[in-house]
Amino acid sequence: MSETRAAPLKSKRYLGLELAGAKNQKTSLSVLEYYPKEQKIFLLDVFDKIAAVGDQTGDQALLETIEEALSTRSEGAARMGVNVPTELPPCITECKKKACQHSIKSPVPAIRWMYELAREASEDDEMEMNIREITPYTQRPFEIWARYRILPMLTKEFRFEIDEALGGNRAPLTARMHYLQRHLSHLPITEVWPKLTIASLAQAFRLPKRLIENYRKPEEGYAARVELLETLILQKGIFIYDRDLKKLGQSLTAFDSFLCAYTALLADRGITVKPPKGYPKGASWVAYYPLSGAKR
């Protein structure tokens, strides 16, 4: 009796979520469709300014939009890239002591790893960046990895400020994502930093520095974002309708949601960087495109 093989998937769907506060209109969702056989990517839709409507809360509107994007989903399992932390810092989730002094001697492996990486960075004579105090109640392992292992690999023009999971304006978004994940247990989620995605792609494709300097600006941003997208269209075979290209150019949040979806696709295909050996087991990881040699 001959073995029956499953038919190859025709396509797979990827969502990208740029999450903002529940009470404003800055949340965006992009939807990509990927055809493995043809190696083609299509931007199906962009939902911009997702917010409360009538009696519907902002969270309800967002969850409904996500389900709408999945309702006509293709055969392949969907994955969603999100721009906010999917996990709380280890001091919040893993430390069981009533009172402790967080240090390299911490009983929590993830915290010890964070201190060890910072120690190694402090002993690196070529390290250009200042070694900052670690606060494992606001930071996660990846944020330490990004500061001392990723940023030094980027040219200075492509570097950016790292937002901590529970620092500054990030904490409310982390809390909102924590709530939303309870309703999205059926959907695989990948954390994405749009600034890291665009910096790594720009360095890999040798894009003009002016694009990275301008793409987040109010006035010069539109032209820079469109040029970045047109480069991806040419380099990676992504199809984007003119109306959607204009929408992504006009809205930075929509642009970032596209980057989240695209990075989730890359992660699902195994193209993004894997966690290093010894990375804390169970700690969240942010997907990003492979970087070229160090640019000091």
Protein backbone atom coordinates (compact mmCIF):
# COMPACT_ATOMS: atom_id res chain seq x y z
CA MET A 1 0.00 0.00 0.00
CA SER A 2 1.49 3.32 -1.04
CA GLU A 3 2.04 6.05 1.52
CA THR A 4 -0.37 8.98 1.31
CA ARG A 5 1.35 12.34 1.46
CA ALA A 6 -0.30 15.53 2.55
CA ALA A 7 -0.80 18.09 -0.20
CA PRO A 8 1.60 21.05 0.03
CA LEU A 9 0.20 24.22 1.54
CA LYS A 10 -1.03 26.71 -1.02
CA SER A 11 -0.45 29.72 1.20
CA LYS A 12 0.10 30.92 4.75
CA ARG A 13 -1.20 34.05 6.44
CA TYR A 14 0.71 36.44 8.68
CA LEU A 15 -0.60 39.36 10.70
CA GLY A 16 1.32 42.34 12.00
CA LEU A 17 0.05 44.31 15.01
CA GLU A 18 1.31 47.77 15.93
CA LEU A 19 -0.34 48.10 19.33
CA ALA A 20 -1.10 51.46 20.89
CA GLY A 21 -3.20 52.44 23.88
CA ALA A 22 -6.79 51.17 24.02
CA LYS A 23 -8.17 54.69 24.27
CA ASN A 24 -6.54 56.21 21.19
CA GLN A 25 -6.68 55.57 17.44
CA LYS A 26 -3.09 54.58 16.70
CA THR A 27 -3.39 50.76 16.58
CA SER A 28 -2.85 49.18 13.14
CA LEU A 29 -3.02 45.65 11.73
CA SER A 30 -1.47 44.43 8.45
CA VAL A 31 -2.28 41.13 6.75
CA LEU A 32 0.18 39.27 4.49
CA GLU A 33 -0.38 36.16 2.40
CA TYR A 34 2.65 34.05 1.51
CA TYR A 35 2.72 31.45 -1.29
CA PRO A 36 5.63 29.06 -0.58
CA LYS A 37 5.72 27.41 -4.01
CA GLU A 38 5.89 30.70 -5.89
CA GLN A 39 7.91 32.49 -3.16
CA LYS A 40 5.51 35.42 -3.43
CA ILE A 41 4.20 37.71 -0.70
CA PHE A 42 1.03 39.79 -1.02
CA LEU A 43 -0.17 42.54 1.29
CA LEU A 44 -3.88 41.70 1.55
CA ASP A 45 -5.11 44.48 3.81
CA VAL A 46 -4.19 47.23 6.24
CA PHE A 47 -6.52 48.10 9.12
CA ASP A 48 -5.53 51.49 10.47
CA LYS A 49 -6.82 53.52 13.44
CA ILE A 50 -8.48 50.57 15.20
CA ALA A 51 -10.33 52.04 18.16
CA ALA A 52 -13.53 51.97 20.21
CA VAL A 53 -16.75 52.41 18.23
CA GLY A 54 -20.07 53.07 19.93
CA ASP A 55 -20.58 50.57 22.75
CA GLN A 56 -17.60 48.52 21.58
CA THR A 57 -14.35 48.98 23.54
CA GLY A 58 -10.97 49.39 21.88
CA ASP A 59 -9.98 45.86 22.91
CA GLN A 60 -13.20 44.40 21.51
CA ALA A 61 -12.72 46.29 18.24
CA LEU A 62 -9.15 45.02 17.92
CA LEU A 63 -10.01 41.39 18.69
CA GLU A 64 -12.88 41.54 16.19
CA THR A 65 -10.53 42.96 13.53
CA ILE A 66 -8.02 40.17 14.14
CA GLU A 67 -10.72 37.52 13.87
CA GLU A 68 -11.97 39.16 10.67
CA ALA A 69 -8.45 38.95 9.23
CA LEU A 70 -8.36 35.24 10.11
CA SER A 71 -11.91 34.36 9.02
CA THR A 72 -10.94 33.99 5.36
CA ARG A 73 -7.56 32.55 6.27
CA SER A 74 -5.71 30.20 3.96
CA GLU A 75 -4.79 26.60 4.72
CA GLY A 76 -1.57 27.45 6.53
CA ALA A 77 -1.43 28.24 10.24
CA ALA A 78 -1.34 31.98 10.84
CA ARG A 79 1.27 33.80 12.91
CA MET A 80 1.16 37.34 14.23
CA GLY A 81 4.05 39.70 14.88
CA VAL A 82 3.49 42.31 17.60
CA ASN A 83 5.48 45.43 18.47
CA VAL A 84 5.20 45.14 22.27
CA PRO A 85 6.59 42.76 24.91
CA THR A 86 4.89 39.37 25.10
CA GLU A 87 6.46 38.56 28.47
CA LEU A 88 7.04 40.38 31.75
CA PRO A 89 10.54 40.87 33.25
CA PRO A 90 11.96 37.89 35.22
CA CYS A 91 11.95 39.69 38.58
CA ILE A 92 8.16 39.97 38.22
CA THR A 93 7.41 36.46 36.99
CA GLU A 94 10.16 34.20 38.34
CA CYS A 95 11.55 35.52 41.62
CA LYS A 96 9.78 33.85 44.57
CA LYS A 97 11.65 35.52 47.41
CA LYS A 98 9.78 37.99 49.59
CA ALA A 99 12.78 40.32 49.43
CA CYS A 100 16.00 39.95 47.47
CA GLN A 101 18.98 41.87 46.20
CA HIS A 102 19.04 41.34 42.46
CA SER A 103 22.59 40.56 41.38
CA ILE A 104 24.73 38.05 39.53
CA LYS A 105 24.05 35.69 42.47
CA SER A 106 20.28 35.80 41.97
CA PRO A 107 18.45 32.44 42.28
CA VAL A 108 16.69 33.23 38.98
CA PRO A 109 18.72 31.95 35.97
CA ALA A 110 17.44 34.67 33.64
CA ILE A 111 18.58 37.42 36.02
CA ARG A 112 22.02 35.84 36.48
CA TRP A 113 22.36 35.64 32.70
CA MET A 114 21.54 39.34 32.35
CA TYR A 115 24.23 40.31 34.85
CA GLU A 116 26.77 37.97 33.28
CA LEU A 117 26.23 39.45 29.82
CA ALA A 118 26.62 42.98 31.19
CA ARG A 119 29.83 41.90 32.97
CA GLU A 120 31.25 40.50 29.72
CA ALA A 121 30.39 43.75 27.96
CA SER A 122 32.16 45.76 30.67
CA GLU A 123 35.34 43.75 30.06
CA ASP A 124 35.22 44.25 26.29
CA ASP A 125 37.84 46.89 25.44
CA GLU A 126 36.15 47.60 22.10
CA MET A 127 32.69 48.19 23.59
CA GLU A 128 31.63 51.73 22.71
CA MET A 129 28.51 51.82 24.85
CA ASN A 130 28.25 52.71 28.51
CA ILE A 131 27.38 49.80 30.80
CA ARG A 132 24.12 50.69 32.48
CA GLU A 133 22.60 49.45 35.71
CA ILE A 134 20.40 46.38 35.29
CA THR A 135 16.85 46.48 36.65
CA PRO A 136 15.32 43.00 36.12
CA TYR A 137 11.94 44.28 37.28
CA THR A 138 11.71 46.51 34.17
CA GLN A 139 14.11 44.73 31.77
CA ARG A 140 14.18 41.29 30.16
CA PRO A 141 17.12 39.22 28.90
CA PHE A 142 16.57 40.22 25.28
CA GLU A 143 16.79 43.91 26.10
CA ILE A 144 20.25 43.33 27.60
CA TRP A 145 21.22 41.19 24.59
CA ALA A 146 20.05 43.89 22.21
CA ARG A 147 22.04 46.61 23.96
CA TYR A 148 25.36 44.79 24.20
CA ARG A 149 25.24 42.36 21.27
CA ILE A 150 22.95 43.83 18.60
CA LEU A 151 23.43 47.60 18.69
CA PRO A 152 27.24 47.32 18.37
CA MET A 153 26.64 45.39 15.12
CA LEU A 154 24.73 48.32 13.62
CA THR A 155 26.27 51.41 12.10
CA LYS A 156 25.87 54.36 14.44
CA GLU A 157 23.26 55.96 12.16
CA PHE A 158 21.05 52.87 12.44
CA ARG A 159 21.16 52.55 16.23
CA PHE A 160 18.12 53.40 18.37
CA GLU A 161 17.06 53.75 21.98
CA ILE A 162 15.86 50.49 23.53
CA ASP A 163 12.50 50.61 25.28
CA GLU A 164 12.28 48.46 28.41
CA ALA A 165 9.28 46.17 28.89
CA LEU A 166 8.07 48.04 31.98
CA GLY A 167 9.85 51.32 31.42
CA GLY A 168 8.41 54.69 30.44
CA ASN A 169 5.40 54.50 28.13
CA ARG A 170 5.97 50.80 27.45
CA ALA A 171 4.41 49.45 30.65
CA PRO A 172 0.74 50.17 29.73
CA LEU A 173 1.22 48.53 26.32
CA THR A 174 2.87 45.48 27.90
CA ALA A 175 -0.11 45.19 30.26
CA ARG A 176 -2.57 45.52 27.36
CA MET A 177 -0.77 42.83 25.37
CA HIS A 178 -0.80 40.58 28.44
CA TYR A 179 -4.59 40.92 28.48
CA LEU A 180 -5.02 40.41 24.73
CA GLN A 181 -2.91 37.24 24.72
CA ARG A 182 -5.53 35.53 26.88
CA HIS A 183 -7.97 35.95 23.99
CA LEU A 184 -5.45 34.97 21.31
CA SER A 185 -4.22 31.63 22.63
CA HIS A 186 -5.10 30.05 19.25
CA LEU A 187 -2.71 32.37 17.40
CA PRO A 188 1.09 31.93 17.50
CA ILE A 189 2.66 35.29 18.38
CA THR A 190 6.16 36.58 17.63
CA GLU A 191 7.55 39.71 19.28
CA VAL A 192 9.01 42.23 16.84
CA TRP A 193 10.84 45.53 17.22
CA PRO A 194 10.05 47.47 14.01
CA LYS A 195 13.06 49.76 14.54
CA LEU A 196 15.33 46.71 14.75
CA THR A 197 13.75 45.10 11.69
CA ILE A 198 14.20 48.19 9.53
CA ALA A 199 17.74 48.81 10.81
CA SER A 200 18.85 45.23 10.11
CA LEU A 201 17.21 45.20 6.66
CA ALA A 202 18.70 48.59 5.83
CA GLN A 203 22.18 47.42 6.77
CA ALA A 204 21.76 44.14 4.87
CA PHE A 205 20.48 45.86 1.72
CA ARG A 206 22.89 48.82 2.05
CA LEU A 207 20.04 51.31 2.01
CA PRO A 208 20.79 55.05 2.15
CA LYS A 209 21.24 56.30 5.71
CA ARG A 210 18.93 59.23 5.03
CA LEU A 211 15.98 56.82 4.79
CA ILE A 212 16.59 55.48 8.29
CA GLU A 213 17.12 58.99 9.61
CA ASN A 214 13.88 60.26 8.05
CA TYR A 215 11.32 57.43 7.94
CA ARG A 216 9.88 58.19 11.40
CA LYS A 217 9.75 61.97 10.91
CA PRO A 218 6.41 63.78 10.35
CA GLU A 219 7.38 65.67 7.17
CA GLU A 220 10.10 63.63 5.44
CA GLY A 221 8.66 60.32 6.66
CA TYR A 222 6.18 59.67 3.83
CA ALA A 223 8.77 59.72 1.03
CA ALA A 224 11.26 57.70 3.10
CA ARG A 225 8.73 55.01 4.00
CA VAL A 226 7.55 54.65 0.40
CA GLU A 227 11.15 54.33 -0.81
CA LEU A 228 11.87 51.69 1.84
CA LEU A 229 8.79 49.73 0.80
CA GLU A 230 9.65 50.00 -2.90
CA THR A 231 13.08 48.55 -2.09
CA LEU A 232 11.48 45.59 -0.30
CA ILE A 233 9.13 45.11 -3.26
CA LEU A 234 12.10 44.87 -5.62
CA GLN A 235 14.42 42.90 -3.32
CA LYS A 236 11.95 40.41 -1.83
CA GLY A 237 9.13 40.07 -4.33
CA ILE A 238 6.44 41.64 -2.17
CA PHE A 239 3.29 42.78 -3.96
CA ILE A 240 1.56 45.87 -2.54
CA TYR A 241 -1.37 47.63 -4.20
CA ASP A 242 -0.83 51.33 -4.85
CA ARG A 243 -3.60 52.28 -2.40
CA ASP A 244 -1.95 50.26 0.37
CA LEU A 245 1.49 51.62 -0.48
CA LYS A 246 0.07 55.10 0.01
CA LYS A 247 -1.58 54.10 3.29
CA LEU A 248 1.67 52.63 4.66
CA GLY A 249 3.49 55.76 3.57
CA GLN A 250 1.01 58.11 5.22
CA SER A 251 0.78 56.22 8.53
CA LEU A 252 3.87 55.31 10.57
CA THR A 253 1.82 52.93 12.72
CA ALA A 254 0.52 51.14 9.62
CA PHE A 255 4.09 50.96 8.28
CA ASP A 256 5.29 49.42 11.55
CA SER A 257 2.43 46.89 11.49
CA PHE A 258 3.62 45.81 8.03
CA LEU A 259 7.14 45.33 9.41
CA CYS A 260 5.69 43.20 12.23
CA ALA A 261 3.85 40.96 9.76
CA TYR A 262 6.87 40.64 7.49
CA THR A 263 9.20 39.80 10.38
CA ALA A 264 6.75 37.16 11.64
CA LEU A 265 6.86 35.62 8.16
CA LEU A 266 10.67 35.61 8.19
CA ALA A 267 10.67 34.02 11.65
CA ASP A 268 8.25 31.30 10.55
CA ARG A 269 10.52 30.53 7.59
CA GLY A 270 13.56 30.24 9.86
CA ILE A 271 15.31 33.29 8.40
CA THR A 272 15.55 35.36 11.59
CA VAL A 273 18.30 35.06 14.21
CA LYS A 274 17.98 32.26 16.79
CA PRO A 275 18.70 32.74 20.52
CA PRO A 276 22.39 32.22 21.42
CA LYS A 277 23.65 29.18 23.26
CA GLY A 278 22.90 29.50 26.96
CA TYR A 279 20.06 32.00 26.51
CA PRO A 280 17.65 31.65 29.47
CA LYS A 281 15.20 28.84 28.89
CA GLY A 282 11.66 30.13 28.46
CA ALA A 283 12.70 33.78 28.14
CA SER A 284 11.04 35.69 25.32
CA TRP A 285 13.00 36.39 22.15
CA VAL A 286 12.51 39.14 19.58
CA ALA A 287 12.71 38.14 15.91
CA TYR A 288 15.14 40.11 13.75
CA TYR A 289 16.90 39.80 10.41
CA PRO A 290 20.54 38.58 10.49
CA LEU A 291 23.12 41.34 10.79
CA SER A 292 26.34 41.69 8.87
CA GLY A 293 29.75 42.16 10.55
CA ALA A 294 30.28 44.61 13.38
CA LYS A 295 30.11 48.28 12.44
CA ARG A 296 31.96 50.26 15.08
